[in-house]
Amino acid sequence: MTGVLIIVCGLPGSGKTTTAKQLAAQRGGLRLGPDDWMTMLGVNLWDSGMRDRVEALQWSVAREILAHGGTVILEWGTWARSERDTLREQARGLGAAVHLLHLDAPDDELWRRIRARDAEDPPIRRADLDQWRRLFQPPDEQELSLYDPF
């Protein structure tokens, strides 16, 4: 049996968690996102060192599942192409199929969704979203061609 990795990529408010939950229910896969684990641990979501450690732990779990033919839905945001490339290459090294799902919406819609969920403490500011949009490296057609069809 071949493992399947689905990378859900996008900015805050793009629908990553909602989509990942739907995919996990439809495909029977394990959904991994750092926000859930950090919240359960009582850790501030803005603690980047802890986020890195949680993601490393989640990737260790994901690799085990993929190696045994399971499905993993990864909702880390994966803003940088280099991060997505590393995940794809490592998963393929385990014999897994790898899909990339890029979610996006206009900035005003992202901002509306972020304000409506009001989940972050401290809250996300519009200036944060604007800065993140500049940092985010959306996948282009060439990158998307490196993934298995969804």
N, C-alpha and C. Protein backbone atom coordinates (compact mmCIF):
# COMPACT_ATOMS: atom_id res chain seq x y z
N MET A 1 0.85 -1.18 0.00
CA MET A 1 0.00 0.00 0.00
C MET A 1 0.89 1.24 0.00
N THR A 2 0.53 2.22 -0.80
CA THR A 2 1.29 3.45 -0.93
C THR A 2 0.73 4.52 -0.01
N GLY A 3 1.61 5.17 0.74
CA GLY A 3 1.18 6.28 1.58
C GLY A 3 0.82 7.49 0.73
N VAL A 4 0.06 8.39 1.34
CA VAL A 4 -0.38 9.61 0.65
C VAL A 4 -0.16 10.79 1.58
N LEU A 5 0.57 11.79 1.09
CA LEU A 5 0.74 13.04 1.82
C LEU A 5 -0.01 14.13 1.06
N ILE A 6 -0.88 14.83 1.78
CA ILE A 6 -1.57 15.99 1.23
C ILE A 6 -1.08 17.21 2.00
N ILE A 7 -0.42 18.11 1.30
CA ILE A 7 0.07 19.35 1.90
C ILE A 7 -0.96 20.43 1.61
N VAL A 8 -1.53 21.00 2.68
CA VAL A 8 -2.51 22.08 2.53
C VAL A 8 -1.77 23.38 2.81
N CYS A 9 -1.69 24.21 1.81
CA CYS A 9 -0.82 25.38 1.80
C CYS A 9 -1.65 26.65 1.71
N GLY A 10 -1.34 27.65 2.55
CA GLY A 10 -2.03 28.93 2.44
C GLY A 10 -1.82 29.81 3.65
N LEU A 11 -2.25 31.04 3.52
CA LEU A 11 -2.16 32.03 4.59
C LEU A 11 -3.25 31.80 5.63
N PRO A 12 -3.13 32.42 6.81
CA PRO A 12 -4.22 32.34 7.79
C PRO A 12 -5.53 32.85 7.17
N GLY A 13 -6.60 32.13 7.48
CA GLY A 13 -7.90 32.52 6.97
C GLY A 13 -8.22 31.96 5.59
N SER A 14 -7.30 31.20 5.01
CA SER A 14 -7.52 30.68 3.65
C SER A 14 -8.39 29.43 3.65
N GLY A 15 -8.64 28.85 4.81
CA GLY A 15 -9.48 27.66 4.89
C GLY A 15 -8.71 26.37 5.07
N LYS A 16 -7.46 26.45 5.50
CA LYS A 16 -6.63 25.25 5.65
C LYS A 16 -7.24 24.25 6.62
N THR A 17 -7.61 24.71 7.81
CA THR A 17 -8.11 23.79 8.83
C THR A 17 -9.43 23.17 8.39
N THR A 18 -10.34 23.97 7.89
CA THR A 18 -11.63 23.45 7.43
C THR A 18 -11.44 22.42 6.34
N THR A 19 -10.61 22.74 5.36
CA THR A 19 -10.36 21.83 4.25
C THR A 19 -9.65 20.57 4.72
N ALA A 20 -8.66 20.72 5.59
CA ALA A 20 -7.92 19.55 6.10
C ALA A 20 -8.84 18.62 6.89
N LYS A 21 -9.75 19.17 7.68
CA LYS A 21 -10.71 18.34 8.42
C LYS A 21 -11.61 17.57 7.45
N GLN A 22 -12.07 18.24 6.41
CA GLN A 22 -12.91 17.57 5.41
C GLN A 22 -12.14 16.45 4.72
N LEU A 23 -10.90 16.72 4.34
CA LEU A 23 -10.08 15.70 3.68
C LEU A 23 -9.83 14.51 4.60
N ALA A 24 -9.55 14.78 5.87
CA ALA A 24 -9.31 13.70 6.82
C ALA A 24 -10.55 12.82 6.96
N ALA A 25 -11.72 13.44 7.01
CA ALA A 25 -12.96 12.67 7.13
C ALA A 25 -13.23 11.87 5.85
N GLN A 26 -13.00 12.46 4.70
CA GLN A 26 -13.27 11.80 3.43
C GLN A 26 -12.30 10.66 3.15
N ARG A 27 -11.04 10.86 3.48
CA ARG A 27 -9.99 9.91 3.11
C ARG A 27 -9.50 9.04 4.27
N GLY A 28 -9.98 9.32 5.46
CA GLY A 28 -9.56 8.53 6.60
C GLY A 28 -8.12 8.78 7.02
N GLY A 29 -7.60 9.94 6.71
CA GLY A 29 -6.22 10.25 7.04
C GLY A 29 -6.08 10.96 8.37
N LEU A 30 -4.84 11.11 8.78
CA LEU A 30 -4.51 11.85 10.00
C LEU A 30 -4.18 13.29 9.64
N ARG A 31 -4.88 14.22 10.28
CA ARG A 31 -4.65 15.65 10.05
C ARG A 31 -3.65 16.14 11.09
N LEU A 32 -2.60 16.79 10.62
CA LEU A 32 -1.58 17.34 11.52
C LEU A 32 -1.43 18.83 11.28
N GLY A 33 -1.63 19.61 12.33
CA GLY A 33 -1.43 21.05 12.28
C GLY A 33 -0.88 21.50 13.62
N PRO A 34 0.11 22.37 13.63
CA PRO A 34 0.74 22.76 14.89
C PRO A 34 -0.17 23.53 15.83
N ASP A 35 -1.11 24.30 15.32
CA ASP A 35 -1.95 25.11 16.20
C ASP A 35 -2.72 24.24 17.19
N ASP A 36 -3.27 23.12 16.72
CA ASP A 36 -4.03 22.23 17.61
C ASP A 36 -3.15 21.72 18.75
N TRP A 37 -1.97 21.24 18.40
CA TRP A 37 -1.09 20.67 19.41
C TRP A 37 -0.60 21.74 20.38
N MET A 38 -0.26 22.90 19.85
CA MET A 38 0.23 23.97 20.72
C MET A 38 -0.86 24.44 21.67
N THR A 39 -2.09 24.50 21.20
CA THR A 39 -3.21 24.88 22.06
C THR A 39 -3.40 23.84 23.16
N MET A 40 -3.34 22.55 22.80
CA MET A 40 -3.49 21.49 23.80
C MET A 40 -2.37 21.53 24.84
N LEU A 41 -1.20 21.94 24.42
CA LEU A 41 -0.06 22.04 25.34
C LEU A 41 -0.08 23.33 26.16
N GLY A 42 -1.00 24.23 25.84
CA GLY A 42 -1.07 25.51 26.55
C GLY A 42 0.06 26.45 26.18
N VAL A 43 0.56 26.31 24.96
CA VAL A 43 1.69 27.10 24.48
C VAL A 43 1.18 28.23 23.59
N ASN A 44 1.80 29.38 23.69
CA ASN A 44 1.43 30.51 22.85
C ASN A 44 1.68 30.17 21.38
N LEU A 45 0.69 30.42 20.54
CA LEU A 45 0.80 30.11 19.12
C LEU A 45 1.90 30.90 18.41
N TRP A 46 2.36 31.98 19.03
CA TRP A 46 3.41 32.81 18.42
C TRP A 46 4.81 32.36 18.83
N ASP A 47 4.92 31.32 19.64
CA ASP A 47 6.22 30.81 20.08
C ASP A 47 6.85 30.01 18.93
N SER A 48 7.68 30.67 18.14
CA SER A 48 8.22 30.04 16.93
C SER A 48 9.13 28.85 17.24
N GLY A 49 9.86 28.91 18.35
CA GLY A 49 10.71 27.78 18.72
C GLY A 49 9.88 26.55 19.03
N MET A 50 8.79 26.74 19.77
CA MET A 50 7.91 25.62 20.08
C MET A 50 7.21 25.12 18.81
N ARG A 51 6.81 26.04 17.94
CA ARG A 51 6.17 25.64 16.67
C ARG A 51 7.13 24.76 15.86
N ASP A 52 8.39 25.14 15.80
CA ASP A 52 9.38 24.33 15.07
C ASP A 52 9.48 22.93 15.67
N ARG A 53 9.49 22.84 17.00
CA ARG A 53 9.60 21.54 17.66
C ARG A 53 8.35 20.69 17.43
N VAL A 54 7.19 21.32 17.51
CA VAL A 54 5.93 20.60 17.27
C VAL A 54 5.89 20.09 15.83
N GLU A 55 6.27 20.94 14.88
CA GLU A 55 6.26 20.51 13.48
C GLU A 55 7.27 19.38 13.25
N ALA A 56 8.42 19.43 13.90
CA ALA A 56 9.40 18.34 13.77
C ALA A 56 8.82 17.04 14.31
N LEU A 57 8.14 17.11 15.44
CA LEU A 57 7.50 15.92 16.01
C LEU A 57 6.39 15.42 15.09
N GLN A 58 5.58 16.34 14.58
CA GLN A 58 4.51 15.93 13.67
C GLN A 58 5.07 15.29 12.41
N TRP A 59 6.15 15.82 11.88
CA TRP A 59 6.73 15.25 10.67
C TRP A 59 7.30 13.86 10.95
N SER A 60 7.82 13.64 12.14
CA SER A 60 8.30 12.31 12.52
C SER A 60 7.14 11.31 12.53
N VAL A 61 6.02 11.72 13.10
CA VAL A 61 4.81 10.88 13.12
C VAL A 61 4.33 10.66 11.68
N ALA A 62 4.29 11.72 10.90
CA ALA A 62 3.82 11.62 9.51
C ALA A 62 4.67 10.64 8.70
N ARG A 63 5.97 10.69 8.87
CA ARG A 63 6.85 9.79 8.12
C ARG A 63 6.56 8.33 8.46
N GLU A 64 6.31 8.05 9.73
CA GLU A 64 5.96 6.68 10.14
C GLU A 64 4.67 6.23 9.46
N ILE A 65 3.68 7.09 9.47
CA ILE A 65 2.39 6.76 8.87
C ILE A 65 2.54 6.55 7.36
N LEU A 66 3.26 7.44 6.71
CA LEU A 66 3.47 7.31 5.26
C LEU A 66 4.23 6.03 4.92
N ALA A 67 5.23 5.70 5.71
CA ALA A 67 6.01 4.49 5.47
C ALA A 67 5.17 3.23 5.58
N HIS A 68 4.08 3.30 6.35
CA HIS A 68 3.18 2.16 6.53
C HIS A 68 1.94 2.24 5.64
N GLY A 69 1.97 3.15 4.66
CA GLY A 69 0.89 3.22 3.69
C GLY A 69 -0.30 4.07 4.08
N GLY A 70 -0.18 4.85 5.13
CA GLY A 70 -1.29 5.68 5.58
C GLY A 70 -1.34 7.02 4.87
N THR A 71 -2.39 7.76 5.20
CA THR A 71 -2.61 9.09 4.63
C THR A 71 -2.42 10.15 5.69
N VAL A 72 -1.69 11.19 5.34
CA VAL A 72 -1.44 12.32 6.25
C VAL A 72 -1.85 13.60 5.54
N ILE A 73 -2.63 14.42 6.24
CA ILE A 73 -3.00 15.75 5.75
C ILE A 73 -2.25 16.74 6.61
N LEU A 74 -1.33 17.46 6.00
CA LEU A 74 -0.45 18.38 6.71
C LEU A 74 -0.91 19.81 6.47
N GLU A 75 -1.32 20.49 7.53
CA GLU A 75 -1.78 21.88 7.40
C GLU A 75 -0.88 22.81 8.19
N TRP A 76 0.30 23.02 7.65
CA TRP A 76 1.30 23.87 8.29
C TRP A 76 1.37 25.26 7.68
N GLY A 77 0.66 25.51 6.66
CA GLY A 77 0.80 26.79 5.96
C GLY A 77 1.81 26.67 4.83
N THR A 78 2.97 26.12 5.15
CA THR A 78 4.07 25.90 4.18
C THR A 78 4.20 27.07 3.21
N TRP A 79 4.59 28.21 3.77
CA TRP A 79 4.68 29.45 3.00
C TRP A 79 5.85 29.48 2.02
N ALA A 80 6.91 28.73 2.30
CA ALA A 80 8.11 28.78 1.46
C ALA A 80 8.17 27.55 0.55
N ARG A 81 8.54 27.80 -0.68
CA ARG A 81 8.67 26.68 -1.61
C ARG A 81 9.69 25.67 -1.10
N SER A 82 10.77 26.14 -0.52
CA SER A 82 11.81 25.22 -0.03
C SER A 82 11.24 24.25 1.00
N GLU A 83 10.34 24.72 1.84
CA GLU A 83 9.70 23.84 2.83
C GLU A 83 8.85 22.78 2.13
N ARG A 84 8.07 23.21 1.15
CA ARG A 84 7.23 22.27 0.41
C ARG A 84 8.09 21.27 -0.36
N ASP A 85 9.20 21.74 -0.95
CA ASP A 85 10.10 20.85 -1.68
C ASP A 85 10.66 19.77 -0.76
N THR A 86 11.08 20.17 0.44
CA THR A 86 11.64 19.21 1.39
C THR A 86 10.61 18.16 1.78
N LEU A 87 9.40 18.59 2.09
CA LEU A 87 8.33 17.65 2.45
C LEU A 87 8.05 16.68 1.30
N ARG A 88 7.95 17.22 0.09
CA ARG A 88 7.66 16.38 -1.08
C ARG A 88 8.77 15.35 -1.29
N GLU A 89 10.02 15.81 -1.26
CA GLU A 89 11.14 14.91 -1.51
C GLU A 89 11.24 13.83 -0.44
N GLN A 90 11.07 14.19 0.82
CA GLN A 90 11.15 13.19 1.88
C GLN A 90 10.01 12.18 1.80
N ALA A 91 8.80 12.67 1.51
CA ALA A 91 7.66 11.75 1.39
C ALA A 91 7.84 10.82 0.19
N ARG A 92 8.30 11.36 -0.91
CA ARG A 92 8.54 10.52 -2.09
C ARG A 92 9.63 9.48 -1.79
N GLY A 93 10.61 9.86 -0.97
CA GLY A 93 11.64 8.92 -0.57
C GLY A 93 11.08 7.73 0.20
N LEU A 94 9.91 7.91 0.78
CA LEU A 94 9.22 6.83 1.49
C LEU A 94 8.25 6.08 0.58
N GLY A 95 8.21 6.47 -0.69
CA GLY A 95 7.32 5.83 -1.64
C GLY A 95 5.91 6.39 -1.66
N ALA A 96 5.70 7.53 -1.02
CA ALA A 96 4.35 8.10 -0.92
C ALA A 96 4.01 8.96 -2.13
N ALA A 97 2.74 8.99 -2.44
CA ALA A 97 2.21 9.98 -3.39
C ALA A 97 2.11 11.29 -2.63
N VAL A 98 2.32 12.40 -3.32
CA VAL A 98 2.29 13.71 -2.65
C VAL A 98 1.42 14.67 -3.46
N HIS A 99 0.44 15.24 -2.78
CA HIS A 99 -0.46 16.21 -3.39
C HIS A 99 -0.28 17.56 -2.69
N LEU A 100 -0.40 18.62 -3.46
CA LEU A 100 -0.34 19.98 -2.91
C LEU A 100 -1.66 20.67 -3.20
N LEU A 101 -2.28 21.17 -2.15
CA LEU A 101 -3.53 21.91 -2.28
C LEU A 101 -3.27 23.33 -1.78
N HIS A 102 -3.26 24.28 -2.71
CA HIS A 102 -3.01 25.69 -2.38
C HIS A 102 -4.34 26.40 -2.24
N LEU A 103 -4.58 26.96 -1.06
CA LEU A 103 -5.81 27.71 -0.79
C LEU A 103 -5.48 29.19 -0.71
N ASP A 104 -6.35 30.00 -1.28
CA ASP A 104 -6.14 31.44 -1.25
C ASP A 104 -7.49 32.13 -1.32
N ALA A 105 -7.48 33.37 -0.95
CA ALA A 105 -8.66 34.24 -1.04
C ALA A 105 -8.14 35.67 -1.08
N PRO A 106 -8.95 36.60 -1.53
CA PRO A 106 -8.53 38.01 -1.48
C PRO A 106 -8.22 38.42 -0.04
N ASP A 107 -7.30 39.36 0.11
CA ASP A 107 -6.88 39.77 1.46
C ASP A 107 -8.04 40.23 2.33
N ASP A 108 -9.01 40.94 1.76
CA ASP A 108 -10.15 41.39 2.57
C ASP A 108 -10.95 40.21 3.10
N GLU A 109 -11.06 39.14 2.31
CA GLU A 109 -11.77 37.94 2.77
C GLU A 109 -10.96 37.21 3.83
N LEU A 110 -9.65 37.10 3.63
CA LEU A 110 -8.80 36.48 4.66
C LEU A 110 -8.97 37.24 5.98
N TRP A 111 -8.92 38.55 5.91
CA TRP A 111 -9.02 39.39 7.10
C TRP A 111 -10.39 39.21 7.77
N ARG A 112 -11.45 39.13 6.98
CA ARG A 112 -12.79 38.92 7.53
C ARG A 112 -12.85 37.59 8.29
N ARG A 113 -12.31 36.54 7.70
CA ARG A 113 -12.32 35.22 8.34
C ARG A 113 -11.49 35.21 9.62
N ILE A 114 -10.33 35.84 9.58
CA ILE A 114 -9.46 35.89 10.77
C ILE A 114 -10.18 36.60 11.90
N ARG A 115 -10.81 37.72 11.61
CA ARG A 115 -11.53 38.47 12.65
C ARG A 115 -12.72 37.68 13.18
N ALA A 116 -13.40 36.94 12.30
CA ALA A 116 -14.58 36.18 12.70
C ALA A 116 -14.21 35.03 13.64
N ARG A 117 -13.07 34.39 13.41
CA ARG A 117 -12.71 33.26 14.28
C ARG A 117 -12.10 33.72 15.59
N ASP A 118 -11.42 34.87 15.58
CA ASP A 118 -10.88 35.49 16.80
C ASP A 118 -10.20 34.47 17.70
N ALA A 119 -9.32 33.64 17.11
CA ALA A 119 -8.73 32.51 17.83
C ALA A 119 -7.33 32.78 18.38
N GLU A 120 -6.63 33.74 17.85
CA GLU A 120 -5.23 33.94 18.23
C GLU A 120 -5.10 34.89 19.40
N ASP A 121 -4.11 34.61 20.23
CA ASP A 121 -3.82 35.48 21.36
C ASP A 121 -2.30 35.64 21.44
N PRO A 122 -1.75 36.80 21.17
CA PRO A 122 -2.46 38.02 20.82
C PRO A 122 -3.08 37.91 19.43
N PRO A 123 -4.09 38.73 19.16
CA PRO A 123 -4.78 38.63 17.88
C PRO A 123 -3.89 39.04 16.70
N ILE A 124 -4.21 38.45 15.56
CA ILE A 124 -3.54 38.84 14.32
C ILE A 124 -4.00 40.24 13.95
N ARG A 125 -3.05 41.07 13.53
CA ARG A 125 -3.38 42.42 13.07
C ARG A 125 -3.39 42.44 11.54
N ARG A 126 -4.09 43.38 10.99
CA ARG A 126 -4.13 43.49 9.52
C ARG A 126 -2.72 43.70 8.97
N ALA A 127 -1.89 44.45 9.69
CA ALA A 127 -0.50 44.66 9.26
C ALA A 127 0.26 43.34 9.20
N ASP A 128 -0.06 42.40 10.13
CA ASP A 128 0.57 41.08 10.10
C ASP A 128 0.21 40.36 8.80
N LEU A 129 -1.08 40.36 8.49
CA LEU A 129 -1.55 39.70 7.27
C LEU A 129 -0.89 40.31 6.04
N ASP A 130 -0.79 41.62 6.00
CA ASP A 130 -0.15 42.29 4.86
C ASP A 130 1.31 41.87 4.72
N GLN A 131 2.01 41.79 5.85
CA GLN A 131 3.42 41.37 5.82
C GLN A 131 3.53 39.91 5.38
N TRP A 132 2.65 39.06 5.91
CA TRP A 132 2.71 37.64 5.55
C TRP A 132 2.42 37.43 4.07
N ARG A 133 1.52 38.22 3.51
CA ARG A 133 1.23 38.11 2.08
C ARG A 133 2.51 38.36 1.27
N ARG A 134 3.30 39.33 1.71
CA ARG A 134 4.56 39.63 1.01
C ARG A 134 5.58 38.49 1.16
N LEU A 135 5.57 37.81 2.30
CA LEU A 135 6.52 36.73 2.55
C LEU A 135 6.11 35.41 1.88
N PHE A 136 4.82 35.21 1.73
CA PHE A 136 4.29 33.95 1.21
C PHE A 136 4.73 33.72 -0.24
N GLN A 137 5.18 32.51 -0.51
CA GLN A 137 5.59 32.12 -1.86
C GLN A 137 4.55 31.16 -2.43
N PRO A 138 3.54 31.68 -3.11
CA PRO A 138 2.51 30.77 -3.63
C PRO A 138 3.09 29.85 -4.70
N PRO A 139 2.62 28.62 -4.75
CA PRO A 139 3.12 27.72 -5.78
C PRO A 139 2.70 28.18 -7.17
N ASP A 140 3.64 28.11 -8.11
CA ASP A 140 3.32 28.45 -9.49
C ASP A 140 3.07 27.15 -10.27
N GLU A 141 2.76 27.28 -11.54
CA GLU A 141 2.44 26.10 -12.36
C GLU A 141 3.60 25.12 -12.41
N GLN A 142 4.82 25.64 -12.48
CA GLN A 142 5.99 24.76 -12.54
C GLN A 142 6.08 23.93 -11.26
N GLU A 143 5.91 24.58 -10.12
CA GLU A 143 5.97 23.82 -8.86
C GLU A 143 4.82 22.83 -8.77
N LEU A 144 3.62 23.26 -9.10
CA LEU A 144 2.46 22.37 -9.02
C LEU A 144 2.65 21.12 -9.88
N SER A 145 3.38 21.25 -10.98
CA SER A 145 3.60 20.10 -11.86
C SER A 145 4.47 19.02 -11.21
N LEU A 146 5.15 19.35 -10.12
CA LEU A 146 6.01 18.39 -9.43
C LEU A 146 5.22 17.46 -8.51
N TYR A 147 3.96 17.75 -8.31
CA TYR A 147 3.11 16.98 -7.39
C TYR A 147 2.21 16.04 -8.17
N ASP A 148 1.74 15.02 -7.47
CA ASP A 148 0.77 14.11 -8.07
C ASP A 148 -0.55 14.85 -8.24
N PRO A 149 -1.29 14.54 -9.31
CA PRO A 149 -2.59 15.20 -9.50
C PRO A 149 -3.51 14.92 -8.32
N PHE A 150 -4.28 15.92 -7.97
CA PHE A 150 -5.18 15.79 -6.81
C PHE A 150 -6.46 15.14 -7.25
